[in-house]
């Protein structure tokens, strides 16, 4: 009987090129790609996403299927593992454990020399990773109209959209629903999540939250977050203090910006990525109704 399992080649852009995520299993004292047995009723995609999260603490976006790898374990068990190309998009609580006690991001050459098994090395070698890190588009949205901060009582993160903001959110959804969008990420503020809700419903995508888009996020945190998503067509929803910082830090690294840096509520900045770098930015004002 063949045991079916699923896993991922998880990668990200690094300072010196593409990096691959490996896991160390103390039971076998080996370095391998994250993977695990499929649960009854799971699809391979569901199993891979779950196993990678459990073994690494990363929630990941599947970009493509890489195929199935078959091999016999040292104990004589036949295994068939379906692998997917994956990019990290969020974190969940994780601590070293008896199954996986260490994870490492390594350059591709370092990963190839560290992996314990030839089938893992062959899989990594066959991936065209750089092609997934060369181009794409970010749509950076400032949340819709949400009324006065001074008049709101209670936690400001719970301040909702006004009817005008709801109309702006619907207009954004109508505009972007035909674009090839892979990911929606938002500040956890209610007004940002509500701005993304109509688009998420049309595309059938979840709205993920990330602290780099929250009010008061640090400059370096904002830039590292954006760099980590290069190659993924992403809609981001954030605030008036974060978006200009993101744009200015991208401009320092060569991106062309218009002379006027606007950031009205309900507006969108479109950032094109070419050759793995932030290339151009253009501004779409909010609807006026």
Protein backbone atom coordinates (compact mmCIF):
# COMPACT_ATOMS: atom_id res chain seq x y z
CA UNK A 1 0.00 0.00 0.00
CA UNK A 2 1.28 3.45 -0.94
CA UNK A 3 1.03 6.25 1.61
CA UNK A 4 -0.03 9.58 0.05
CA UNK A 5 1.38 12.84 1.34
CA UNK A 6 1.68 16.47 0.28
CA UNK A 7 4.23 19.22 0.78
CA UNK A 8 5.74 22.36 -0.58
CA UNK A 9 8.77 24.02 -2.04
CA UNK A 10 8.40 27.26 -0.08
CA UNK A 11 10.47 30.15 -1.40
CA UNK A 12 10.94 33.89 -1.03
CA UNK A 13 13.20 36.63 -2.39
CA UNK A 14 16.32 37.11 -0.26
CA UNK A 15 19.05 39.75 -0.11
CA UNK A 16 21.36 37.58 -2.24
CA UNK A 17 18.79 35.76 -4.39
CA UNK A 18 15.99 33.26 -3.97
CA UNK A 19 15.74 31.41 -0.65
CA UNK A 20 14.22 27.98 0.07
CA UNK A 21 12.71 26.86 3.39
CA UNK A 22 14.00 23.55 4.82
CA UNK A 23 12.96 21.68 7.96
CA UNK A 24 15.05 19.52 10.28
CA UNK A 25 13.43 16.35 11.66
CA UNK A 26 15.17 15.19 14.83
CA UNK A 27 13.75 11.67 14.55
CA UNK A 28 15.71 11.12 11.34
CA UNK A 29 18.33 13.86 11.79
CA UNK A 30 17.69 14.97 8.23
CA UNK A 31 16.96 18.17 6.30
CA UNK A 32 14.02 18.01 3.94
CA UNK A 33 11.19 19.94 2.34
CA UNK A 34 8.12 20.38 4.58
CA UNK A 35 5.53 17.67 3.95
CA UNK A 36 3.22 15.20 5.68
CA UNK A 37 0.53 12.56 5.27
CA UNK A 38 -2.81 13.52 3.76
CA UNK A 39 -5.74 13.35 6.17
CA UNK A 40 -8.87 11.48 5.05
CA UNK A 41 -11.02 13.64 2.81
CA UNK A 42 -8.34 16.27 2.19
CA UNK A 43 -7.27 17.41 -1.24
CA UNK A 44 -3.54 17.51 -1.91
CA UNK A 45 -3.68 21.31 -1.84
CA UNK A 46 -5.37 21.33 1.56
CA UNK A 47 -2.93 18.79 2.97
CA UNK A 48 0.11 20.69 1.69
CA UNK A 49 -1.10 23.99 3.12
CA UNK A 50 -1.87 22.39 6.49
CA UNK A 51 1.37 20.40 6.73
CA UNK A 52 3.57 23.36 5.81
CA UNK A 53 1.81 25.52 8.39
CA UNK A 54 2.17 22.86 11.09
CA UNK A 55 5.84 22.22 10.37
CA UNK A 56 7.03 25.79 9.78
CA UNK A 57 4.52 28.24 11.28
CA UNK A 58 3.87 29.78 7.86
CA UNK A 59 0.58 30.13 6.05
CA UNK A 60 1.36 29.89 2.36
CA UNK A 61 -0.16 30.64 -1.01
CA UNK A 62 0.02 27.85 -3.59
CA UNK A 63 1.31 29.11 -6.93
CA UNK A 64 1.40 25.87 -8.93
CA UNK A 65 1.61 22.09 -8.66
CA UNK A 66 5.08 20.63 -9.17
CA UNK A 67 4.04 17.01 -9.55
CA UNK A 68 4.32 13.82 -7.54
CA UNK A 69 7.49 12.23 -6.19
CA UNK A 70 7.54 8.52 -5.32
CA UNK A 71 10.11 6.79 -3.14
CA UNK A 72 10.61 4.03 -0.57
CA UNK A 73 11.46 4.98 3.00
CA UNK A 74 14.25 3.34 4.99
CA UNK A 75 11.57 1.22 6.71
CA UNK A 76 10.28 -0.06 3.36
CA UNK A 77 7.13 2.10 3.10
CA UNK A 78 6.12 3.27 -0.37
CA UNK A 79 5.29 6.99 -0.40
CA UNK A 80 3.86 9.28 -3.06
CA UNK A 81 4.21 12.98 -2.24
CA UNK A 82 2.49 15.71 -4.25
CA UNK A 83 4.49 18.93 -4.07
CA UNK A 84 3.40 22.50 -4.70
CA UNK A 85 5.30 25.72 -5.28
CA UNK A 86 4.39 28.01 -2.38
CA UNK A 87 5.00 31.53 -1.10
CA UNK A 88 4.59 32.57 2.56
CA UNK A 89 1.86 35.12 3.23
CA UNK A 90 1.42 34.96 7.01
CA UNK A 91 2.53 33.56 10.35
CA UNK A 92 0.86 31.31 12.90
CA UNK A 93 2.14 30.36 16.37
CA UNK A 94 4.87 27.70 16.13
CA UNK A 95 7.51 26.32 18.46
CA UNK A 96 10.19 23.65 17.85
CA UNK A 97 8.83 20.18 18.58
CA UNK A 98 9.59 16.47 18.34
CA UNK A 99 8.61 16.39 14.65
CA UNK A 100 10.44 19.51 13.45
CA UNK A 101 12.92 21.22 15.74
CA UNK A 102 14.45 23.76 13.34
CA UNK A 103 13.61 25.59 10.11
CA UNK A 104 16.08 27.42 7.89
CA UNK A 105 15.86 29.83 4.96
CA UNK A 106 18.77 29.02 2.65
CA UNK A 107 19.92 30.18 -0.77
CA UNK A 108 19.24 27.67 -3.53
CA UNK A 109 22.89 26.46 -3.64
CA UNK A 110 22.93 26.14 0.17
CA UNK A 111 19.61 24.28 0.12
CA UNK A 112 20.85 21.84 -2.51
CA UNK A 113 23.95 21.07 -0.46
CA UNK A 114 21.95 20.76 2.80
CA UNK A 115 19.01 18.59 1.70
CA UNK A 116 19.46 14.98 2.76
CA UNK A 117 17.64 13.29 -0.13
CA UNK A 118 18.26 13.23 -3.85
CA UNK A 119 14.53 13.40 -4.71
CA UNK A 120 14.29 16.70 -2.79
CA UNK A 121 17.39 18.09 -4.52
CA UNK A 122 16.03 17.08 -7.93
CA UNK A 123 12.70 18.77 -7.21
CA UNK A 124 14.30 22.05 -6.14
CA UNK A 125 16.64 21.99 -9.15
CA UNK A 126 13.68 21.60 -11.52
CA UNK A 127 11.80 24.67 -10.21
CA UNK A 128 11.97 27.86 -12.24
CA UNK A 129 11.88 29.98 -9.10
CA UNK A 130 13.25 33.22 -10.50
CA UNK A 131 10.44 33.50 -13.07
CA UNK A 132 7.99 33.85 -10.18
CA UNK A 133 9.96 36.73 -8.66
CA UNK A 134 10.40 38.92 -11.71
CA UNK A 135 7.05 40.62 -12.38
CA UNK A 136 3.63 41.42 -10.99
CA UNK A 137 1.41 44.22 -9.73
CA UNK A 138 0.53 45.60 -6.32
CA UNK A 139 -2.71 47.51 -5.79
CA UNK A 140 -2.25 49.55 -2.60
CA UNK A 141 -5.62 50.83 -1.39
CA UNK A 142 -6.30 53.36 1.34
CA UNK A 143 -9.46 52.36 3.19
CA UNK A 144 -12.70 54.06 2.29
CA UNK A 145 -14.32 56.94 4.14
CA UNK A 146 -14.87 56.05 7.79
CA UNK A 147 -15.86 59.29 9.43
CA UNK A 148 -14.13 61.27 12.13
CA UNK A 149 -11.57 59.61 14.38
CA UNK A 150 -12.21 62.26 17.05
CA UNK A 151 -15.93 61.51 17.19
CA UNK A 152 -15.50 57.73 17.45
CA UNK A 153 -15.72 56.26 20.94
CA UNK A 154 -13.81 53.10 21.79
CA UNK A 155 -10.98 51.27 20.02
CA UNK A 156 -10.26 53.07 16.75
CA UNK A 157 -9.52 49.76 15.04
CA UNK A 158 -13.25 49.04 15.26
CA UNK A 159 -14.32 52.21 13.44
CA UNK A 160 -16.47 51.13 10.44
CA UNK A 161 -16.92 52.55 6.98
CA UNK A 162 -19.53 55.22 6.36
CA UNK A 163 -22.01 54.72 3.48
CA UNK A 164 -19.65 56.73 1.26
CA UNK A 165 -16.82 54.34 2.18
CA UNK A 166 -19.03 51.35 1.39
CA UNK A 167 -19.70 52.79 -2.07
CA UNK A 168 -15.98 53.31 -2.55
CA UNK A 169 -15.34 49.68 -1.56
CA UNK A 170 -17.90 48.45 -4.09
CA UNK A 171 -16.34 50.62 -6.82
CA UNK A 172 -12.89 49.20 -6.06
CA UNK A 173 -14.28 45.66 -6.24
CA UNK A 174 -15.98 46.31 -9.57
CA UNK A 175 -12.75 47.76 -10.98
CA UNK A 176 -10.35 45.07 -9.76
CA UNK A 177 -12.44 41.92 -10.08
CA UNK A 178 -11.22 41.32 -13.65
CA UNK A 179 -7.53 41.68 -12.71
CA UNK A 180 -5.33 38.56 -12.14
CA UNK A 181 -5.20 38.92 -8.35
CA UNK A 182 -3.66 36.18 -6.22
CA UNK A 183 -3.80 37.65 -2.73
CA UNK A 184 -5.70 40.20 -0.61
CA UNK A 185 -3.94 41.50 2.50
CA UNK A 186 -5.22 44.15 4.89
CA UNK A 187 -4.61 45.97 8.12
CA UNK A 188 -6.73 44.37 10.83
CA UNK A 189 -8.64 47.63 11.31
CA UNK A 190 -12.33 47.17 10.59
CA UNK A 191 -12.43 49.98 8.03
CA UNK A 192 -9.69 48.28 5.99
CA UNK A 193 -11.23 44.82 6.18
CA UNK A 194 -14.61 46.24 5.16
CA UNK A 195 -12.99 48.04 2.21
CA UNK A 196 -11.64 44.70 0.97
CA UNK A 197 -14.76 42.63 1.68
CA UNK A 198 -16.64 43.26 -1.62
CA UNK A 199 -13.56 42.42 -3.71
CA UNK A 200 -12.85 39.30 -1.65
CA UNK A 201 -16.43 38.13 -2.16
CA UNK A 202 -16.23 38.63 -5.93
CA UNK A 203 -12.89 36.82 -6.24
CA UNK A 204 -13.56 34.09 -3.70
CA UNK A 205 -10.39 34.98 -1.79
CA UNK A 206 -9.91 35.44 1.97
CA UNK A 207 -8.86 38.77 3.41
CA UNK A 208 -5.60 38.10 5.25
CA UNK A 209 -4.26 40.48 7.91
CA UNK A 210 -0.67 41.59 8.39
CA UNK A 211 0.84 43.94 10.99
CA UNK A 212 3.00 45.66 8.36
CA UNK A 213 -0.19 47.30 7.03
CA UNK A 214 -1.46 48.48 10.43
CA UNK A 215 -1.28 52.11 11.52
CA UNK A 216 2.12 52.96 12.95
CA UNK A 217 3.96 50.13 11.22
CA UNK A 218 7.74 50.62 11.15
CA UNK A 219 9.43 51.69 7.91
CA UNK A 220 11.61 48.59 7.61
CA UNK A 221 8.71 46.29 8.41
CA UNK A 222 6.62 47.83 5.62
CA UNK A 223 9.40 47.45 3.05
CA UNK A 224 10.28 43.88 4.01
CA UNK A 225 6.62 42.92 3.78
CA UNK A 226 6.31 44.34 0.27
CA UNK A 227 9.58 42.77 -0.89
CA UNK A 228 8.40 39.39 0.33
CA UNK A 229 5.37 39.56 -1.98
CA UNK A 230 7.23 40.42 -5.19
CA UNK A 231 5.91 38.08 -7.87
CA UNK A 232 2.44 37.78 -6.31
CA UNK A 233 -0.32 40.00 -7.73
CA UNK A 234 -1.55 41.52 -4.47
CA UNK A 235 -4.19 43.95 -3.27
CA UNK A 236 -3.19 45.64 0.00
CA UNK A 237 -5.39 47.85 2.14
CA UNK A 238 -3.75 50.18 4.64
CA UNK A 239 -3.72 53.66 6.15
CA UNK A 240 -2.70 57.22 5.34
CA UNK A 241 0.48 57.02 7.43
CA UNK A 242 1.70 53.70 5.99
CA UNK A 243 1.11 54.02 2.24
CA UNK A 244 3.31 57.11 1.66
CA UNK A 245 6.12 55.43 3.62
CA UNK A 246 5.85 52.35 1.44
CA UNK A 247 5.94 54.41 -1.75
CA UNK A 248 8.86 56.57 -0.63
CA UNK A 249 10.96 53.56 0.39
CA UNK A 250 10.26 51.96 -2.98
CA UNK A 251 11.23 55.21 -4.71
CA UNK A 252 14.55 55.28 -2.87
CA UNK A 253 15.18 51.87 -4.48
CA UNK A 254 14.54 53.15 -7.98
CA UNK A 255 10.78 53.17 -8.48
CA UNK A 256 9.40 56.07 -10.51
CA UNK A 257 6.84 58.17 -8.65
CA UNK A 258 4.62 61.03 -9.89
CA UNK A 259 5.59 64.45 -8.60
CA UNK A 260 2.39 64.64 -6.53
CA UNK A 261 2.09 61.99 -3.80
CA UNK A 262 -1.64 61.79 -3.01
CA UNK A 263 -3.31 59.30 -0.70
CA UNK A 264 -7.04 60.06 -0.39
CA UNK A 265 -9.44 57.69 1.32
CA UNK A 266 -10.70 55.13 -1.18
CA UNK A 267 -7.80 55.76 -3.57
CA UNK A 268 -5.45 53.16 -5.06
CA UNK A 269 -1.78 53.16 -6.00
CA UNK A 270 -0.81 50.67 -8.74
CA UNK A 271 2.79 49.50 -8.45
CA UNK A 272 4.30 47.52 -11.31
CA UNK A 273 7.14 45.09 -10.71
CA UNK A 274 9.66 44.31 -13.42
CA UNK A 275 12.90 42.38 -13.24
CA UNK A 276 12.25 41.66 -9.58
CA UNK A 277 12.21 45.38 -8.71
CA UNK A 278 9.57 48.01 -8.00
CA UNK A 279 9.38 49.83 -11.34
CA UNK A 280 6.54 52.35 -11.65
CA UNK A 281 3.66 53.72 -9.60
CA UNK A 282 0.47 55.41 -10.75
CA UNK A 283 -2.44 56.85 -8.81
CA UNK A 284 -6.17 56.17 -9.17
CA UNK A 285 -8.30 58.65 -7.21
CA UNK A 286 -11.33 57.50 -5.22
CA UNK A 287 -14.86 57.57 -6.52
CA UNK A 288 -16.50 60.90 -5.73
CA UNK A 289 -20.08 59.78 -5.06
